[in-house]
Every structure is written in structure tokens, then in C-alpha cells.
Amino acid sequence: MPDVFVSNSKKNISVNKEEKDSFESHNHQALSTFSYYPNNVDFESRSNDEKIVLLLRQHVIVNVKWVLIAIVMFFVPSVAKAFGVFDTIPNGFELVITMAWYLFTMAYALENFLNWYFNVYIVTNERVVDVDFNNLIYKRVSDATLDNIQDVTYSMGGVVRTVFNYGNVFIQTASEVSEFDFLAVPKPDRVVRIINDLVPQVKKK
């Protein structure tokens, strides 16, 4: 699996002073959901002179549902034992069933965490990249150059999304993939503004 989040020392980027200040003042944290000019970040198809402007994940609050489910699943064997569900089962089988349930619970939690962590949206100074991570052996990467972007909009509705400031960003393009959906990303208004500022710079070249 390609390393999307570790810098490659072989790729040197020459930047002006203003861009250098941006890189140095925006350190990328491992679980960041909104990273502006992140450092120590790379992806497999980036060119030598391509700079990552945004690295986005879904807002961390989207994890609340599966975290709560995992917590409930963790206590299921204890509740089952308290209600005498295992009374008619030999002790050896009770242990096997309990261990199997905990393994299933851990697998459920790990799969959901990895799906959140590795499903990322990247905006560079040249293109937008959508990495869809489905499991450990399958992913889909779609991209479109900034000069193919025709329209960028966002939606943010509901109390929860308004309070936590996250929403969906929709990018219409003239490329093979006609629309990119950045779902449940933090600060969608700022994402749209950054992309809209980048597009004219690319089209002028």
C-alpha cells in the first residue's frame, strides 16, 4: 500500500519565501482533518515541483457513530453473562465465543478507523486528488487538474454541521471524472475559497 502521509526525501521542492513560511507554519498532525500546506506529507503520484496545499479528511465527528457501536459491542459478552445466556454452554465454549466476539469487535473498529484515516482529499497547486480507501487491498485514486475545474460549491445544513463547521464540497470538472465530492470536510467555505484562488493561477500559466 503506498505511503500517502510520509514525506519522500528524494522529492525536493523549491519555494519562495512566502510559500516557505506557509510550509513551516502549518505542521501536519497524524490525525488532522484540515491541513493547510502540510509538511511531512506525500503521495505516490506527486511530481517533483507539485506542492500539497490542502490535505482533508472527514470531520472527526463522523466517527462518533461507529465508536459508540464498538463500545456497546464491547460490553455485549458481559451483559449476556449477567442475563445467564452462557449458563447452558460449557465453559470452554463460553471462552471461545467471547474471544471471537472481541476479535470481531476489534476488526469492526479497526476497519472503520482505517476507512476514515485513509480516505483523504488532496488539493495541490496543480490538481485535486480523491483517494477512496475501501479496504487493505483495494483503493481508487481519482484526480483532475485545476485548469479543468468549472465550478466549486459547498453545502452545510443542520445544527450539528453548523456547530462543528463541516459540510460537503462539490467540484465540477471537464475531465474524465466530472464531479469530485469532498464529503463532511471541515471548513468547507475555506476549502472552496482556496480552490477558487488556485484555479486562476493555473489557468494563467
Protein backbone atom coordinates (compact mmCIF):
# COMPACT_ATOMS: atom_id res chain seq x y z
CA MET A 1 0.00 0.00 0.00
CA PRO A 2 1.54 3.33 -0.99
CA ASP A 3 2.52 5.71 1.77
CA VAL A 4 0.31 8.75 1.36
CA PHE A 5 1.33 10.56 4.51
CA VAL A 6 5.11 10.26 4.79
CA SER A 7 7.44 12.66 3.07
CA ASN A 8 9.84 11.41 0.43
CA SER A 9 13.29 12.91 0.92
CA LYS A 10 14.11 12.43 -2.76
CA LYS A 11 11.47 14.98 -3.78
CA ASN A 12 12.88 18.46 -3.24
CA ILE A 13 10.56 21.42 -3.65
CA SER A 14 11.85 24.91 -4.37
CA VAL A 15 9.52 27.54 -2.92
CA ASN A 16 9.64 31.27 -2.50
CA LYS A 17 9.83 32.92 0.93
CA GLU A 18 6.06 33.36 1.30
CA GLU A 19 5.39 29.72 0.43
CA LYS A 20 8.23 28.59 2.68
CA ASP A 21 6.67 30.46 5.61
CA SER A 22 3.36 28.71 4.83
CA PHE A 23 5.02 25.30 4.92
CA GLU A 24 6.84 26.00 8.16
CA SER A 25 3.84 27.45 9.96
CA HIS A 26 1.40 24.62 9.24
CA ASN A 27 2.67 21.38 10.75
CA HIS A 28 0.73 18.28 9.84
CA GLN A 29 -0.57 16.19 12.72
CA ALA A 30 -1.20 12.48 12.18
CA LEU A 31 -4.96 12.71 12.71
CA SER A 32 -5.51 16.16 11.18
CA THR A 33 -8.75 16.66 9.30
CA PHE A 34 -7.75 20.02 7.79
CA SER A 35 -4.08 20.62 6.95
CA TYR A 36 -3.09 23.74 5.03
CA TYR A 37 0.32 23.45 3.34
CA PRO A 38 1.14 20.35 5.44
CA ASN A 39 4.72 19.24 5.82
CA ASN A 40 5.95 15.64 6.03
CA VAL A 41 3.16 14.58 3.67
CA ASP A 42 3.46 12.91 0.28
CA PHE A 43 1.52 10.73 -2.15
CA GLU A 44 2.72 8.32 -4.78
CA SER A 45 1.91 10.24 -7.98
CA ARG A 46 3.08 13.70 -6.91
CA SER A 47 5.55 15.34 -9.29
CA ASN A 48 8.75 16.95 -8.05
CA ASP A 49 7.52 20.53 -8.35
CA GLU A 50 3.97 19.82 -7.13
CA LYS A 51 3.11 21.27 -3.73
CA ILE A 52 0.34 19.99 -1.47
CA VAL A 53 -1.91 22.87 -0.48
CA LEU A 54 -4.67 21.01 1.38
CA LEU A 55 -4.96 17.59 2.95
CA LEU A 56 -8.52 16.84 4.10
CA ARG A 57 -10.32 14.05 5.90
CA GLN A 58 -13.90 13.83 7.02
CA HIS A 59 -14.57 15.70 10.25
CA VAL A 60 -13.69 13.61 13.28
CA ILE A 61 -17.28 13.78 14.49
CA VAL A 62 -18.36 11.34 11.76
CA ASN A 63 -16.58 8.66 13.81
CA VAL A 64 -18.90 9.06 16.80
CA LYS A 65 -21.48 6.58 15.46
CA TRP A 66 -19.15 3.64 14.95
CA VAL A 67 -17.22 4.39 18.15
CA LEU A 68 -20.44 4.19 20.18
CA ILE A 69 -21.41 0.97 18.40
CA ALA A 70 -17.98 -0.53 19.16
CA ILE A 71 -18.32 0.43 22.84
CA VAL A 72 -21.75 -1.24 23.04
CA MET A 73 -20.38 -4.34 21.28
CA PHE A 74 -17.52 -4.49 23.79
CA PHE A 75 -19.96 -4.88 26.70
CA VAL A 76 -22.25 -7.42 24.99
CA PRO A 77 -20.49 -10.53 26.46
CA SER A 78 -20.69 -9.09 29.99
CA VAL A 79 -24.39 -8.30 29.60
CA ALA A 80 -25.05 -11.73 28.09
CA LYS A 81 -23.30 -13.41 31.03
CA ALA A 82 -25.27 -11.32 33.54
CA PHE A 83 -28.53 -12.46 31.95
CA GLY A 84 -27.44 -16.10 32.02
CA VAL A 85 -27.10 -16.54 28.26
CA PHE A 86 -23.97 -18.68 28.75
CA ASP A 87 -25.41 -20.84 31.55
CA THR A 88 -26.22 -23.74 29.22
CA ILE A 89 -22.91 -23.54 27.36
CA PRO A 90 -19.76 -25.38 28.54
CA ASN A 91 -17.09 -23.08 29.98
CA GLY A 92 -14.68 -23.80 27.13
CA PHE A 93 -17.22 -22.76 24.53
CA GLU A 94 -18.07 -19.64 26.52
CA LEU A 95 -14.44 -18.54 26.37
CA VAL A 96 -14.16 -19.25 22.63
CA ILE A 97 -17.37 -17.35 21.84
CA THR A 98 -16.32 -14.41 24.00
CA MET A 99 -12.86 -14.19 22.41
CA ALA A 100 -14.35 -14.48 18.91
CA TRP A 101 -16.78 -11.66 19.71
CA TYR A 102 -13.99 -9.39 20.95
CA LEU A 103 -11.94 -10.12 17.82
CA PHE A 104 -14.96 -9.25 15.69
CA THR A 105 -15.44 -6.03 17.65
CA MET A 106 -11.79 -5.05 17.21
CA ALA A 107 -11.95 -5.81 13.48
CA TYR A 108 -15.08 -3.67 13.16
CA ALA A 109 -13.45 -0.73 14.95
CA LEU A 110 -10.17 -1.06 13.04
CA GLU A 111 -11.89 -1.22 9.65
CA ASN A 112 -13.90 1.91 10.36
CA PHE A 113 -10.85 3.80 11.64
CA LEU A 114 -8.76 2.85 8.60
CA ASN A 115 -11.57 3.86 6.24
CA TRP A 116 -11.71 7.28 7.91
CA TYR A 117 -7.93 7.72 8.09
CA PHE A 118 -7.01 6.70 4.55
CA ASN A 119 -9.97 8.25 2.72
CA VAL A 120 -8.40 11.62 2.02
CA TYR A 121 -8.93 14.58 -0.28
CA ILE A 122 -5.84 16.38 -1.54
CA VAL A 123 -5.54 19.74 -3.26
CA THR A 124 -2.19 20.63 -4.79
CA ASN A 125 -1.07 23.63 -6.80
CA GLU A 126 -1.82 21.58 -9.93
CA ARG A 127 -4.82 19.31 -9.26
CA VAL A 128 -7.35 17.81 -6.90
CA VAL A 129 -6.96 14.19 -5.81
CA ASP A 130 -9.62 11.95 -4.25
CA VAL A 131 -8.33 8.80 -2.53
CA ASP A 132 -11.10 6.28 -1.82
CA PHE A 133 -9.81 3.57 0.51
CA ASN A 134 -12.19 0.62 0.78
CA ASN A 135 -10.02 -1.97 2.50
CA LEU A 136 -6.40 -3.03 2.87
CA ILE A 137 -6.19 -4.43 -0.66
CA TYR A 138 -8.30 -2.02 -2.69
CA LYS A 139 -8.31 1.71 -3.22
CA ARG A 140 -9.32 4.09 -6.00
CA VAL A 141 -7.50 7.32 -6.77
CA SER A 142 -9.14 9.96 -8.98
CA ASP A 143 -7.68 13.31 -9.95
CA ALA A 144 -8.35 16.31 -12.14
CA THR A 145 -6.12 19.24 -12.99
CA LEU A 146 -7.11 22.63 -11.65
CA ASP A 147 -7.48 24.10 -15.15
CA ASN A 148 -10.30 21.60 -15.78
CA ILE A 149 -12.33 22.78 -12.80
CA GLN A 150 -15.50 24.54 -13.88
CA ASP A 151 -17.34 25.16 -10.63
CA VAL A 152 -16.79 24.70 -6.88
CA THR A 153 -19.66 24.82 -4.39
CA TYR A 154 -20.35 23.63 -0.87
CA SER A 155 -23.33 22.72 1.28
CA MET A 156 -23.63 22.79 5.04
CA GLY A 157 -27.00 22.21 6.68
CA GLY A 158 -28.28 21.11 10.05
CA VAL A 159 -27.43 22.05 13.61
CA VAL A 160 -24.56 19.58 14.05
CA ARG A 161 -22.81 20.59 10.83
CA THR A 162 -23.24 24.26 11.59
CA VAL A 163 -21.95 23.97 15.15
CA PHE A 164 -18.93 21.89 14.17
CA ASN A 165 -18.39 23.76 10.89
CA TYR A 166 -18.21 20.93 8.37
CA GLY A 167 -20.01 20.12 5.13
CA ASN A 168 -19.70 18.83 1.58
CA VAL A 169 -17.65 20.40 -1.20
CA PHE A 170 -18.66 19.68 -4.81
CA ILE A 171 -16.17 20.22 -7.62
CA GLN A 172 -17.43 20.15 -11.22
CA THR A 173 -14.74 19.40 -13.79
CA ALA A 174 -14.32 18.92 -17.53
CA SER A 175 -12.13 15.86 -17.00
CA GLU A 176 -12.98 12.16 -17.16
CA VAL A 177 -14.35 12.30 -13.61
CA SER A 178 -16.98 15.02 -13.94
CA GLU A 179 -17.56 15.64 -10.22
CA PHE A 180 -15.49 15.32 -7.07
CA ASP A 181 -17.35 15.16 -3.77
CA PHE A 182 -15.38 16.08 -0.66
CA LEU A 183 -17.82 14.80 1.96
CA ALA A 184 -18.12 16.04 5.56
CA VAL A 185 -14.89 18.04 5.44
CA PRO A 186 -14.10 20.79 7.97
CA LYS A 187 -14.33 24.47 6.97
CA PRO A 188 -15.97 23.86 3.56
CA ASP A 189 -16.21 27.59 2.86
CA ARG A 190 -12.47 27.96 3.26
CA VAL A 191 -11.82 24.90 1.08
CA VAL A 192 -13.89 26.45 -1.70
CA ARG A 193 -12.11 29.79 -1.34
CA ILE A 194 -8.66 28.16 -1.51
CA ILE A 195 -9.53 26.15 -4.62
CA ASN A 196 -11.08 29.19 -6.30
CA ASP A 197 -7.90 31.15 -5.60
CA LEU A 198 -5.71 28.40 -7.10
CA VAL A 199 -7.68 27.88 -10.33
CA PRO A 200 -6.98 31.32 -11.92
CA GLN A 201 -3.27 30.97 -11.10
CA VAL A 202 -3.09 27.69 -13.03
CA LYS A 203 -5.12 28.99 -16.00
CA LYS A 204 -2.81 31.98 -16.37
CA LYS A 205 0.20 29.73 -16.94
